[in-house]
Amino acid sequence: MSAAVKYTLGRIGLFVVVLAALWFVEMNIFLRLMLALVFSAALSFFLLKGWRDEMAGEMAEAAVRRRADKERLRSALAGDDQPTDGEPGDRRD
């Protein structure tokens, strides 16, 4: 399971747990939802730090990979890139 999915499910889970804890407190439903949102965000800052860092690492790796692919494509379109033996697009007439 990807780190982004784990972190998102963790955030949703914390929200549901805090909302369930506040369910028995007598107050407006809108206020209850807002308090659950604020408290779950604060808790996730501490409790889900590992998953958040893992997700940030995956996102940084993906950004580097996309940047490298973009540069490779730009150089290939500019004609600077010479295909090596066995690469797709290598035609010897």
PDB file of N, CA and C in Angstrom:
ATOM      1  N   MET A   1       0.855  -1.165   0.000  1.00  0.00           N
ATOM      2  CA  MET A   1       0.000   0.000   0.000  1.00  0.00           C
ATOM      3  C   MET A   1       0.905   1.232   0.000  1.00  0.00           C
ATOM      4  N   SER A   2       0.572   2.200  -0.813  1.00  0.00           N
ATOM      5  CA  SER A   2       1.420   3.387  -0.904  1.00  0.00           C
ATOM      6  C   SER A   2       1.307   4.218   0.376  1.00  0.00           C
ATOM      7  N   ALA A   3       2.332   5.009   0.603  1.00  0.00           N
ATOM      8  CA  ALA A   3       2.374   5.829   1.811  1.00  0.00           C
ATOM      9  C   ALA A   3       1.273   6.879   1.804  1.00  0.00           C
ATOM     10  N   ALA A   4       0.927   7.394   0.629  1.00  0.00           N
ATOM     11  CA  ALA A   4      -0.136   8.405   0.545  1.00  0.00           C
ATOM     12  C   ALA A   4      -1.479   7.813   0.961  1.00  0.00           C
ATOM     13  N   VAL A   5      -1.745   6.580   0.566  1.00  0.00           N
ATOM     14  CA  VAL A   5      -3.001   5.929   0.935  1.00  0.00           C
ATOM     15  C   VAL A   5      -3.026   5.659   2.438  1.00  0.00           C
ATOM     16  N   LYS A   6      -1.904   5.172   2.978  1.00  0.00           N
ATOM     17  CA  LYS A   6      -1.839   4.913   4.413  1.00  0.00           C
ATOM     18  C   LYS A   6      -2.062   6.197   5.212  1.00  0.00           C
ATOM     19  N   TYR A   7      -1.406   7.275   4.799  1.00  0.00           N
ATOM     20  CA  TYR A   7      -1.532   8.537   5.521  1.00  0.00           C
ATOM     21  C   TYR A   7      -2.955   9.082   5.432  1.00  0.00           C
ATOM     22  N   THR A   8      -3.547   9.007   4.254  1.00  0.00           N
ATOM     23  CA  THR A   8      -4.920   9.495   4.078  1.00  0.00           C
ATOM     24  C   THR A   8      -5.898   8.691   4.927  1.00  0.00           C
ATOM     25  N   LEU A   9      -5.758   7.372   4.906  1.00  0.00           N
ATOM     26  CA  LEU A   9      -6.637   6.538   5.726  1.00  0.00           C
ATOM     27  C   LEU A   9      -6.401   6.788   7.221  1.00  0.00           C
ATOM     28  N   GLY A  10      -5.166   7.056   7.594  1.00  0.00           N
ATOM     29  CA  GLY A  10      -4.869   7.394   8.984  1.00  0.00           C
ATOM     30  C   GLY A  10      -5.529   8.692   9.403  1.00  0.00           C
ATOM     31  N   ARG A  11      -5.479   9.699   8.533  1.00  0.00           N
ATOM     32  CA  ARG A  11      -6.133  10.980   8.831  1.00  0.00           C
ATOM     33  C   ARG A  11      -7.644  10.806   8.969  1.00  0.00           C
ATOM     34  N   ILE A  12      -8.239  10.053   8.054  1.00  0.00           N
ATOM     35  CA  ILE A  12      -9.685   9.814   8.116  1.00  0.00           C
ATOM     36  C   ILE A  12     -10.035   9.036   9.382  1.00  0.00           C
ATOM     37  N   GLY A  13      -9.221   8.036   9.694  1.00  0.00           N
ATOM     38  CA  GLY A  13      -9.456   7.249  10.902  1.00  0.00           C
ATOM     39  C   GLY A  13      -9.385   8.084  12.165  1.00  0.00           C
ATOM     40  N   LEU A  14      -8.386   8.961  12.252  1.00  0.00           N
ATOM     41  CA  LEU A  14      -8.287   9.837  13.418  1.00  0.00           C
ATOM     42  C   LEU A  14      -9.497  10.758  13.515  1.00  0.00           C
ATOM     43  N   PHE A  15      -9.947  11.284  12.387  1.00  0.00           N
ATOM     44  CA  PHE A  15     -11.126  12.146  12.394  1.00  0.00           C
ATOM     45  C   PHE A  15     -12.341  11.395  12.924  1.00  0.00           C
ATOM     46  N   VAL A  16     -12.538  10.171  12.460  1.00  0.00           N
ATOM     47  CA  VAL A  16     -13.694   9.375  12.889  1.00  0.00           C
ATOM     48  C   VAL A  16     -13.606   9.062  14.383  1.00  0.00           C
ATOM     49  N   VAL A  17     -12.412   8.732  14.862  1.00  0.00           N
ATOM     50  CA  VAL A  17     -12.244   8.418  16.286  1.00  0.00           C
ATOM     51  C   VAL A  17     -12.536   9.643  17.155  1.00  0.00           C
ATOM     52  N   VAL A  18     -12.007  10.796  16.760  1.00  0.00           N
ATOM     53  CA  VAL A  18     -12.248  12.014  17.541  1.00  0.00           C
ATOM     54  C   VAL A  18     -13.718  12.400  17.474  1.00  0.00           C
ATOM     55  N   LEU A  19     -14.327  12.259  16.297  1.00  0.00           N
ATOM     56  CA  LEU A  19     -15.750  12.567  16.158  1.00  0.00           C
ATOM     57  C   LEU A  19     -16.589  11.633  17.033  1.00  0.00           C
ATOM     58  N   ALA A  20     -16.227  10.362  17.077  1.00  0.00           N
ATOM     59  CA  ALA A  20     -16.950   9.419  17.925  1.00  0.00           C
ATOM     60  C   ALA A  20     -16.804   9.783  19.401  1.00  0.00           C
ATOM     61  N   ALA A  21     -15.624  10.262  19.778  1.00  0.00           N
ATOM     62  CA  ALA A  21     -15.417  10.662  21.176  1.00  0.00           C
ATOM     63  C   ALA A  21     -16.244  11.897  21.512  1.00  0.00           C
ATOM     64  N   LEU A  22     -16.418  12.788  20.556  1.00  0.00           N
ATOM     65  CA  LEU A  22     -17.202  13.998  20.791  1.00  0.00           C
ATOM     66  C   LEU A  22     -18.701  13.790  20.592  1.00  0.00           C
ATOM     67  N   TRP A  23     -19.089  12.635  20.106  1.00  0.00           N
ATOM     68  CA  TRP A  23     -20.491  12.389  19.772  1.00  0.00           C
ATOM     69  C   TRP A  23     -21.406  12.516  20.983  1.00  0.00           C
ATOM     70  N   PHE A  24     -20.886  12.162  22.152  1.00  0.00           N
ATOM     71  CA  PHE A  24     -21.724  12.153  23.357  1.00  0.00           C
ATOM     72  C   PHE A  24     -21.708  13.485  24.095  1.00  0.00           C
ATOM     73  N   VAL A  25     -20.951  14.446  23.577  1.00  0.00           N
ATOM     74  CA  VAL A  25     -20.922  15.782  24.173  1.00  0.00           C
ATOM     75  C   VAL A  25     -22.054  16.586  23.555  1.00  0.00           C
ATOM     76  N   GLU A  26     -22.813  17.246  24.401  1.00  0.00           N
ATOM     77  CA  GLU A  26     -23.968  18.013  23.927  1.00  0.00           C
ATOM     78  C   GLU A  26     -23.504  19.329  23.313  1.00  0.00           C
ATOM     79  N   MET A  27     -23.564  19.399  21.971  1.00  0.00           N
ATOM     80  CA  MET A  27     -23.222  20.634  21.250  1.00  0.00           C
ATOM     81  C   MET A  27     -23.766  20.542  19.828  1.00  0.00           C
ATOM     82  N   ASN A  28     -23.703  21.626  19.123  1.00  0.00           N
ATOM     83  CA  ASN A  28     -24.148  21.702  17.745  1.00  0.00           C
ATOM     84  C   ASN A  28     -23.311  20.737  16.882  1.00  0.00           C
ATOM     85  N   ILE A  29     -23.944  20.082  15.919  1.00  0.00           N
ATOM     86  CA  ILE A  29     -23.241  19.114  15.061  1.00  0.00           C
ATOM     87  C   ILE A  29     -22.133  19.791  14.261  1.00  0.00           C
ATOM     88  N   PHE A  30     -22.365  21.028  13.798  1.00  0.00           N
ATOM     89  CA  PHE A  30     -21.343  21.747  13.050  1.00  0.00           C
ATOM     90  C   PHE A  30     -20.114  22.008  13.927  1.00  0.00           C
ATOM     91  N   LEU A  31     -20.339  22.430  15.163  1.00  0.00           N
ATOM     92  CA  LEU A  31     -19.235  22.662  16.087  1.00  0.00           C
ATOM     93  C   LEU A  31     -18.508  21.350  16.388  1.00  0.00           C
ATOM     94  N   ARG A  32     -19.259  20.280  16.541  1.00  0.00           N
ATOM     95  CA  ARG A  32     -18.671  18.966  16.802  1.00  0.00           C
ATOM     96  C   ARG A  32     -17.766  18.540  15.641  1.00  0.00           C
ATOM     97  N   LEU A  33     -18.234  18.750  14.401  1.00  0.00           N
ATOM     98  CA  LEU A  33     -17.428  18.399  13.226  1.00  0.00           C
ATOM     99  C   LEU A  33     -16.163  19.256  13.140  1.00  0.00           C
ATOM    100  N   MET A  34     -16.292  20.542  13.415  1.00  0.00           N
ATOM    101  CA  MET A  34     -15.134  21.433  13.353  1.00  0.00           C
ATOM    102  C   MET A  34     -14.107  21.083  14.429  1.00  0.00           C
ATOM    103  N   LEU A  35     -14.562  20.792  15.633  1.00  0.00           N
ATOM    104  CA  LEU A  35     -13.635  20.393  16.694  1.00  0.00           C
ATOM    105  C   LEU A  35     -12.945  19.075  16.350  1.00  0.00           C
ATOM    106  N   ALA A  36     -13.688  18.132  15.789  1.00  0.00           N
ATOM    107  CA  ALA A  36     -13.094  16.858  15.386  1.00  0.00           C
ATOM    108  C   ALA A  36     -12.033  17.080  14.315  1.00  0.00           C
ATOM    109  N   LEU A  37     -12.293  17.991  13.392  1.00  0.00           N
ATOM    110  CA  LEU A  37     -11.327  18.295  12.335  1.00  0.00           C
ATOM    111  C   LEU A  37     -10.045  18.898  12.924  1.00  0.00           C
ATOM    112  N   VAL A  38     -10.191  19.853  13.814  1.00  0.00           N
ATOM    113  CA  VAL A  38      -9.022  20.520  14.413  1.00  0.00           C
ATOM    114  C   VAL A  38      -8.228  19.546  15.289  1.00  0.00           C
ATOM    115  N   PHE A  39      -8.918  18.807  16.150  1.00  0.00           N
ATOM    116  CA  PHE A  39      -8.214  17.881  17.034  1.00  0.00           C
ATOM    117  C   PHE A  39      -7.551  16.745  16.267  1.00  0.00           C
ATOM    118  N   SER A  40      -8.214  16.227  15.250  1.00  0.00           N
ATOM    119  CA  SER A  40      -7.604  15.143  14.478  1.00  0.00           C
ATOM    120  C   SER A  40      -6.401  15.642  13.685  1.00  0.00           C
ATOM    121  N   ALA A  41      -6.438  16.887  13.211  1.00  0.00           N
ATOM    122  CA  ALA A  41      -5.273  17.452  12.513  1.00  0.00           C
ATOM    123  C   ALA A  41      -4.095  17.589  13.470  1.00  0.00           C
ATOM    124  N   ALA A  42      -4.370  18.047  14.684  1.00  0.00           N
ATOM    125  CA  ALA A  42      -3.294  18.189  15.674  1.00  0.00           C
ATOM    126  C   ALA A  42      -2.724  16.825  16.065  1.00  0.00           C
ATOM    127  N   LEU A  43      -3.586  15.857  16.255  1.00  0.00           N
ATOM    128  CA  LEU A  43      -3.118  14.514  16.604  1.00  0.00           C
ATOM    129  C   LEU A  43      -2.317  13.887  15.467  1.00  0.00           C
ATOM    130  N   SER A  44      -2.759  14.104  14.243  1.00  0.00           N
ATOM    131  CA  SER A  44      -2.053  13.503  13.110  1.00  0.00           C
ATOM    132  C   SER A  44      -0.657  14.078  12.953  1.00  0.00           C
ATOM    133  N   PHE A  45      -0.466  15.328  13.378  1.00  0.00           N
ATOM    134  CA  PHE A  45       0.858  15.939  13.304  1.00  0.00           C
ATOM    135  C   PHE A  45       1.869  15.132  14.118  1.00  0.00           C
ATOM    136  N   PHE A  46       1.436  14.585  15.241  1.00  0.00           N
ATOM    137  CA  PHE A  46       2.332  13.817  16.103  1.00  0.00           C
ATOM    138  C   PHE A  46       2.251  12.313  15.834  1.00  0.00           C
ATOM    139  N   LEU A  47       1.053  11.787  15.674  1.00  0.00           N
ATOM    140  CA  LEU A  47       0.876  10.337  15.578  1.00  0.00           C
ATOM    141  C   LEU A  47       1.223   9.770  14.198  1.00  0.00           C
ATOM    142  N   LEU A  48       1.073  10.558  13.153  1.00  0.00           N
ATOM    143  CA  LEU A  48       1.288  10.049  11.797  1.00  0.00           C
ATOM    144  C   LEU A  48       2.550  10.620  11.153  1.00  0.00           C
ATOM    145  N   LYS A  49       3.504  11.034  11.978  1.00  0.00           N
ATOM    146  CA  LYS A  49       4.727  11.652  11.461  1.00  0.00           C
ATOM    147  C   LYS A  49       5.493  10.706  10.537  1.00  0.00           C
ATOM    148  N   GLY A  50       5.606   9.456  10.903  1.00  0.00           N
ATOM    149  CA  GLY A  50       6.335   8.483  10.086  1.00  0.00           C
ATOM    150  C   GLY A  50       5.704   8.299   8.717  1.00  0.00           C
ATOM    151  N   TRP A  51       4.400   8.146   8.686  1.00  0.00           N
ATOM    152  CA  TRP A  51       3.706   7.968   7.404  1.00  0.00           C
ATOM    153  C   TRP A  51       3.790   9.235   6.556  1.00  0.00           C
ATOM    154  N   ARG A  52       3.737  10.410   7.213  1.00  0.00           N
ATOM    155  CA  ARG A  52       3.837  11.674   6.481  1.00  0.00           C
ATOM    156  C   ARG A  52       5.223  11.817   5.857  1.00  0.00           C
ATOM    157  N   ASP A  53       6.263  11.466   6.604  1.00  0.00           N
ATOM    158  CA  ASP A  53       7.625  11.535   6.078  1.00  0.00           C
ATOM    159  C   ASP A  53       7.826  10.532   4.939  1.00  0.00           C
ATOM    160  N   GLU A  54       7.260   9.347   5.095  1.00  0.00           N
ATOM    161  CA  GLU A  54       7.345   8.332   4.038  1.00  0.00           C
ATOM    162  C   GLU A  54       6.644   8.815   2.763  1.00  0.00           C
ATOM    163  N   MET A  55       5.484   9.436   2.924  1.00  0.00           N
ATOM    164  CA  MET A  55       4.749   9.954   1.778  1.00  0.00           C
ATOM    165  C   MET A  55       5.537  11.077   1.097  1.00  0.00           C
ATOM    166  N   ALA A  56       6.144  11.954   1.883  1.00  0.00           N
ATOM    167  CA  ALA A  56       6.939  13.044   1.314  1.00  0.00           C
ATOM    168  C   ALA A  56       8.132  12.503   0.544  1.00  0.00           C
ATOM    169  N   GLY A  57       8.751  11.449   1.057  1.00  0.00           N
ATOM    170  CA  GLY A  57       9.872  10.818   0.350  1.00  0.00           C
ATOM    171  C   GLY A  57       9.442  10.234  -0.984  1.00  0.00           C
ATOM    172  N   GLU A  58       8.305   9.544  -0.990  1.00  0.00           N
ATOM    173  CA  GLU A  58       7.788   8.982  -2.247  1.00  0.00           C
ATOM    174  C   GLU A  58       7.464  10.078  -3.254  1.00  0.00           C
ATOM    175  N   MET A  59       6.899  11.179  -2.762  1.00  0.00           N
ATOM    176  CA  MET A  59       6.561  12.281  -3.666  1.00  0.00           C
ATOM    177  C   MET A  59       7.825  12.936  -4.224  1.00  0.00           C
ATOM    178  N   ALA A  60       8.869  13.059  -3.410  1.00  0.00           N
ATOM    179  CA  ALA A  60      10.125  13.641  -3.881  1.00  0.00           C
ATOM    180  C   ALA A  60      10.784  12.744  -4.924  1.00  0.00           C
ATOM    181  N   GLU A  61      10.765  11.425  -4.689  1.00  0.00           N
ATOM    182  CA  GLU A  61      11.323  10.494  -5.673  1.00  0.00           C
ATOM    183  C   GLU A  61      10.563  10.563  -6.989  1.00  0.00           C
ATOM    184  N   ALA A  62       9.253  10.664  -6.913  1.00  0.00           N
ATOM    185  CA  ALA A  62       8.445  10.760  -8.129  1.00  0.00           C
ATOM    186  C   ALA A  62       8.741  12.050  -8.882  1.00  0.00           C
ATOM    187  N   ALA A  63       8.964  13.130  -8.154  1.00  0.00           N
ATOM    188  CA  ALA A  63       9.280  14.410  -8.799  1.00  0.00           C
ATOM    189  C   ALA A  63      10.625  14.337  -9.517  1.00  0.00           C
ATOM    190  N   VAL A  64      11.610  13.714  -8.881  1.00  0.00           N
ATOM    191  CA  VAL A  64      12.928  13.562  -9.515  1.00  0.00           C
ATOM    192  C   VAL A  64      12.806  12.688 -10.762  1.00  0.00           C
ATOM    193  N   ARG A  65      12.054  11.616 -10.664  1.00  0.00           N
ATOM    194  CA  ARG A  65      11.867  10.711 -11.805  1.00  0.00           C
ATOM    195  C   ARG A  65      11.158  11.425 -12.957  1.00  0.00           C
ATOM    196  N   ARG A  66      10.126  12.209 -12.638  1.00  0.00           N
ATOM    197  CA  ARG A  66       9.413  12.959 -13.692  1.00  0.00           C
ATOM    198  C   ARG A  66      10.316  13.991 -14.341  1.00  0.00           C
ATOM    199  N   ARG A  67      11.131  14.658 -13.534  1.00  0.00           N
ATOM    200  CA  ARG A  67      12.046  15.666 -14.064  1.00  0.00           C
ATOM    201  C   ARG A  67      13.067  15.022 -15.007  1.00  0.00           C
ATOM    202  N   ALA A  68      13.600  13.858 -14.630  1.00  0.00           N
ATOM    203  CA  ALA A  68      14.563  13.160 -15.480  1.00  0.00           C
ATOM    204  C   ALA A  68      13.906  12.700 -16.781  1.00  0.00           C
ATOM    205  N   ASP A  69      12.681  12.177 -16.681  1.00  0.00           N
ATOM    206  CA  ASP A  69      11.964  11.758 -17.886  1.00  0.00           C
ATOM    207  C   ASP A  69      11.683  12.940 -18.800  1.00  0.00           C
ATOM    208  N   LYS A  70      11.352  14.069 -18.227  1.00  0.00           N
ATOM    209  CA  LYS A  70      11.070  15.281 -19.000  1.00  0.00           C
ATOM    210  C   LYS A  70      12.324  15.749 -19.737  1.00  0.00           C
ATOM    211  N   GLU A  71      13.454  15.748 -19.037  1.00  0.00           N
ATOM    212  CA  GLU A  71      14.710  16.157 -19.682  1.00  0.00           C
ATOM    213  C   GLU A  71      15.112  15.179 -20.782  1.00  0.00           C
ATOM    214  N   ARG A  72      14.913  13.891 -20.550  1.00  0.00           N
ATOM    215  CA  ARG A  72      15.218  12.872 -21.563  1.00  0.00           C
ATOM    216  C   ARG A  72      14.352  13.079 -22.796  1.00  0.00           C
ATOM    217  N   LEU A  73      13.082  13.374 -22.587  1.00  0.00           N
ATOM    218  CA  LEU A  73      12.174  13.609 -23.707  1.00  0.00           C
ATOM    219  C   LEU A  73      12.553  14.877 -24.465  1.00  0.00           C
ATOM    220  N   ARG A  74      12.891  15.932 -23.728  1.00  0.00           N
ATOM    221  CA  ARG A  74      13.295  17.177 -24.394  1.00  0.00           C
ATOM    222  C   ARG A  74      14.542  16.984 -25.243  1.00  0.00           C
ATOM    223  N   SER A  75      15.522  16.265 -24.711  1.00  0.00           N
ATOM    224  CA  SER A  75      16.740  16.055 -25.488  1.00  0.00           C
ATOM    225  C   SER A  75      16.481  15.148 -26.682  1.00  0.00           C
ATOM    226  N   ALA A  76      15.594  14.180 -26.533  1.00  0.00           N
ATOM    227  CA  ALA A  76      15.261  13.308 -27.663  1.00  0.00           C
ATOM    228  C   ALA A  76      14.527  14.091 -28.745  1.00  0.00           C
ATOM    229  N   LEU A  77      13.631  14.972 -28.353  1.00  0.00           N
ATOM    230  CA  LEU A  77      12.903  15.775 -29.336  1.00  0.00           C
ATOM    231  C   LEU A  77      13.808  16.796 -30.014  1.00  0.00           C
ATOM    232  N   ALA A  78      14.835  17.247 -29.312  1.00  0.00           N
ATOM    233  CA  ALA A  78      15.767  18.208 -29.896  1.00  0.00           C
ATOM    234  C   ALA A  78      16.792  17.527 -30.794  1.00  0.00           C
ATOM    235  N   GLY A  79      16.849  16.204 -30.745  1.00  0.00           N
ATOM    236  CA  GLY A  79      17.779  15.462 -31.573  1.00  0.00           C
ATOM    237  C   GLY A  79      19.142  15.293 -30.936  1.00  0.00           C
ATOM    238  N   ASP A  80      19.273  15.661 -29.678  1.00  0.00           N
ATOM    239  CA  ASP A  80      20.552  15.532 -28.980  1.00  0.00           C
ATOM    240  C   ASP A  80      20.807  14.116 -28.500  1.00  0.00           C
ATOM    241  N   ASP A  81      19.770  13.353 -28.367  1.00  0.00           N
ATOM    242  CA  ASP A  81      19.874  12.011 -27.809  1.00  0.00           C
ATOM    243  C   ASP A  81      20.053  11.000 -28.928  1.00  0.00           C
ATOM    244  N   GLN A  82      21.130  10.234 -28.872  1.00  0.00           N
ATOM    245  CA  GLN A  82      21.364   9.182 -29.846  1.00  0.00           C
ATOM    246  C   GLN A  82      20.962   7.851 -29.229  1.00  0.00           C
ATOM    247  N   PRO A  83      20.036   7.111 -29.861  1.00  0.00           N
ATOM    248  CA  PRO A  83      19.637   5.823 -29.281  1.00  0.00           C
ATOM    249  C   PRO A  83      20.788   4.829 -29.314  1.00  0.00           C
ATOM    250  N   THR A  84      20.866   4.021 -28.271  1.00  0.00           N
ATOM    251  CA  THR A  84      21.893   2.989 -28.202  1.00  0.00           C
ATOM    252  C   THR A  84      21.303   1.688 -28.717  1.00  0.00           C
ATOM    253  N   ASP A  85      22.161   0.678 -28.893  1.00  0.00           N
ATOM    254  CA  ASP A  85      21.695  -0.617 -29.410  1.00  0.00           C
ATOM    255  C   ASP A  85      20.643  -1.207 -28.491  1.00  0.00           C
ATOM    256  N   GLY A  86      19.554  -1.650 -29.088  1.00  0.00           N
ATOM    257  CA  GLY A  86      18.501  -2.324 -28.347  1.00  0.00           C
ATOM    258  C   GLY A  86      17.431  -1.417 -27.804  1.00  0.00           C
ATOM    259  N   GLU A  87      17.589  -0.105 -27.889  1.00  0.00           N
ATOM    260  CA  GLU A  87      16.544   0.782 -27.411  1.00  0.00           C
ATOM    261  C   GLU A  87      15.439   0.874 -28.433  1.00  0.00           C
ATOM    262  N   PRO A  88      14.201   1.065 -27.989  1.00  0.00           N
ATOM    263  CA  PRO A  88      13.111   1.270 -28.954  1.00  0.00           C
ATOM    264  C   PRO A  88      13.387   2.515 -29.780  1.00  0.00           C
ATOM    265  N   GLY A  89      13.041   2.444 -31.017  1.00  0.00           N
ATOM    266  CA  GLY A  89      13.253   3.566 -31.919  1.00  0.00           C
ATOM    267  C   GLY A  89      14.585   3.505 -32.627  1.00  0.00           C
ATOM    268  N   ASP A  90      15.390   2.509 -32.315  1.00  0.00           N
ATOM    269  CA  ASP A  90      16.697   2.341 -32.936  1.00  0.00           C
ATOM    270  C   ASP A  90      16.497   1.629 -34.272  1.00  0.00           C
ATOM    271  N   ARG A  91      16.596   2.387 -35.355  1.00  0.00           N
ATOM    272  CA  ARG A  91      16.411   1.793 -36.683  1.00  0.00           C
ATOM    273  C   ARG A  91      17.691   1.911 -37.472  1.00  0.00           C
ATOM    274  N   ARG A  92      18.128   0.826 -38.004  1.00  0.00           N
ATOM    275  CA  ARG A  92      19.310   0.834 -38.853  1.00  0.00           C
ATOM    276  C   ARG A  92      18.874   0.426 -40.245  1.00  0.00           C
ATOM    277  N   ASP A  93      18.868   1.369 -41.147  1.00  0.00           N
ATOM    278  CA  ASP A  93      18.438   1.098 -42.530  1.00  0.00           C
ATOM    279  C   ASP A  93      19.596   0.830 -43.436  1.00  0.00           C
TER     280      ASP A  93
END
